[in-house]
Amino acid sequence: MNCLPSNIDISKIRALIYHFPNGKMLRIDIKDIEQLAVLEFEVGKLCDTSHIDGKLHFYPRGNT
């Protein structure tokens, strides 16, 4: 189940950046909307900078 807020324009997202609590990051390149739709997000915060650089940052709970 995809739980992205409706105020995020997913057509502009080119990469998802997952920020781990230890400071490391994982970049997942998004090639199409279907690829983004299958991702499941745990509890955390999203920072949408897709209108600037095409990235959606995800900070899991405990790392926000």
C-alpha atoms as a PDB file:
ATOM      1  CA  MET A   1       0.000   0.000   0.000  1.00  0.00           C
ATOM      2  CA  ASN A   2       1.444   3.346  -1.078  1.00  0.00           C
ATOM      3  CA  CYS A   3       0.872   6.101   1.485  1.00  0.00           C
ATOM      4  CA  LEU A   4       2.295   9.143  -0.285  1.00  0.00           C
ATOM      5  CA  PRO A   5       0.473  12.359   0.565  1.00  0.00           C
ATOM      6  CA  SER A   6      -1.685  13.720  -2.238  1.00  0.00           C
ATOM      7  CA  ASN A   7       0.173  17.059  -2.233  1.00  0.00           C
ATOM      8  CA  ILE A   8       3.299  15.413  -3.706  1.00  0.00           C
ATOM      9  CA  ASP A   9       3.458  15.575  -7.505  1.00  0.00           C
ATOM     10  CA  ILE A  10       4.860  12.110  -8.215  1.00  0.00           C
ATOM     11  CA  SER A  11       5.365  12.922 -11.899  1.00  0.00           C
ATOM     12  CA  LYS A  12       8.386  15.074 -10.926  1.00  0.00           C
ATOM     13  CA  ILE A  13      10.126  12.492  -8.736  1.00  0.00           C
ATOM     14  CA  ARG A  14      13.283  11.072 -10.329  1.00  0.00           C
ATOM     15  CA  ALA A  15      14.895   9.587  -7.196  1.00  0.00           C
ATOM     16  CA  LEU A  16      13.941   8.526  -3.688  1.00  0.00           C
ATOM     17  CA  ILE A  17      16.581   9.159  -1.037  1.00  0.00           C
ATOM     18  CA  TYR A  18      16.151   6.970   2.058  1.00  0.00           C
ATOM     19  CA  HIS A  19      18.033   8.390   5.052  1.00  0.00           C
ATOM     20  CA  PHE A  20      19.097   5.725   7.569  1.00  0.00           C
ATOM     21  CA  PRO A  21      19.458   6.540  11.296  1.00  0.00           C
ATOM     22  CA  ASN A  22      23.224   5.906  11.106  1.00  0.00           C
ATOM     23  CA  GLY A  23      23.652   8.774   8.619  1.00  0.00           C
ATOM     24  CA  LYS A  24      23.931   6.666   5.482  1.00  0.00           C
ATOM     25  CA  MET A  25      21.623   7.135   2.510  1.00  0.00           C
ATOM     26  CA  LEU A  26      20.197   4.886  -0.178  1.00  0.00           C
ATOM     27  CA  ARG A  27      19.261   6.398  -3.537  1.00  0.00           C
ATOM     28  CA  ILE A  28      16.613   4.620  -5.596  1.00  0.00           C
ATOM     29  CA  ASP A  29      16.295   5.982  -9.118  1.00  0.00           C
ATOM     30  CA  ILE A  30      12.677   6.194 -10.227  1.00  0.00           C
ATOM     31  CA  LYS A  31      12.152   5.619 -13.932  1.00  0.00           C
ATOM     32  CA  ASP A  32       8.351   5.585 -14.020  1.00  0.00           C
ATOM     33  CA  ILE A  33       5.338   6.147 -11.806  1.00  0.00           C
ATOM     34  CA  GLU A  34       4.591   2.408 -11.512  1.00  0.00           C
ATOM     35  CA  GLN A  35       7.975   1.864  -9.897  1.00  0.00           C
ATOM     36  CA  LEU A  36       7.154   4.457  -7.234  1.00  0.00           C
ATOM     37  CA  ALA A  37       3.690   3.005  -6.662  1.00  0.00           C
ATOM     38  CA  VAL A  38       5.017  -0.363  -5.447  1.00  0.00           C
ATOM     39  CA  LEU A  39       7.218   1.145  -2.716  1.00  0.00           C
ATOM     40  CA  GLU A  40       5.879   0.944   0.806  1.00  0.00           C
ATOM     41  CA  PHE A  41       6.796   3.572   3.359  1.00  0.00           C
ATOM     42  CA  GLU A  42       7.058   2.995   7.077  1.00  0.00           C
ATOM     43  CA  VAL A  43       6.292   5.702   9.607  1.00  0.00           C
ATOM     44  CA  GLY A  44       8.463   8.749   9.044  1.00  0.00           C
ATOM     45  CA  LYS A  45       8.753  12.131   7.376  1.00  0.00           C
ATOM     46  CA  LEU A  46       8.912  13.031   3.702  1.00  0.00           C
ATOM     47  CA  CYS A  47      10.762  16.031   2.334  1.00  0.00           C
ATOM     48  CA  ASP A  48       9.716  16.785  -1.228  1.00  0.00           C
ATOM     49  CA  THR A  49      12.335  18.667  -3.226  1.00  0.00           C
ATOM     50  CA  SER A  50      11.217  17.157  -6.542  1.00  0.00           C
ATOM     51  CA  HIS A  51      10.244  20.561  -7.923  1.00  0.00           C
ATOM     52  CA  ILE A  52      13.905  21.634  -7.476  1.00  0.00           C
ATOM     53  CA  ASP A  53      16.030  18.548  -8.096  1.00  0.00           C
ATOM     54  CA  GLY A  54      13.653  15.627  -8.705  1.00  0.00           C
ATOM     55  CA  LYS A  55      14.281  14.041  -5.290  1.00  0.00           C
ATOM     56  CA  LEU A  56      11.935  12.826  -2.580  1.00  0.00           C
ATOM     57  CA  HIS A  57      13.710  12.353   0.760  1.00  0.00           C
ATOM     58  CA  PHE A  58      12.395   9.887   3.335  1.00  0.00           C
ATOM     59  CA  TYR A  59      13.444  10.011   6.993  1.00  0.00           C
ATOM     60  CA  PRO A  60      12.177   6.988   8.970  1.00  0.00           C
ATOM     61  CA  ARG A  61      10.779   7.443  12.443  1.00  0.00           C
ATOM     62  CA  GLY A  62      13.597   8.096  14.890  1.00  0.00           C
ATOM     63  CA  ASN A  63      15.615   9.852  12.208  1.00  0.00           C
ATOM     64  CA  THR A  64      13.488  12.924  11.588  1.00  0.00           C
END
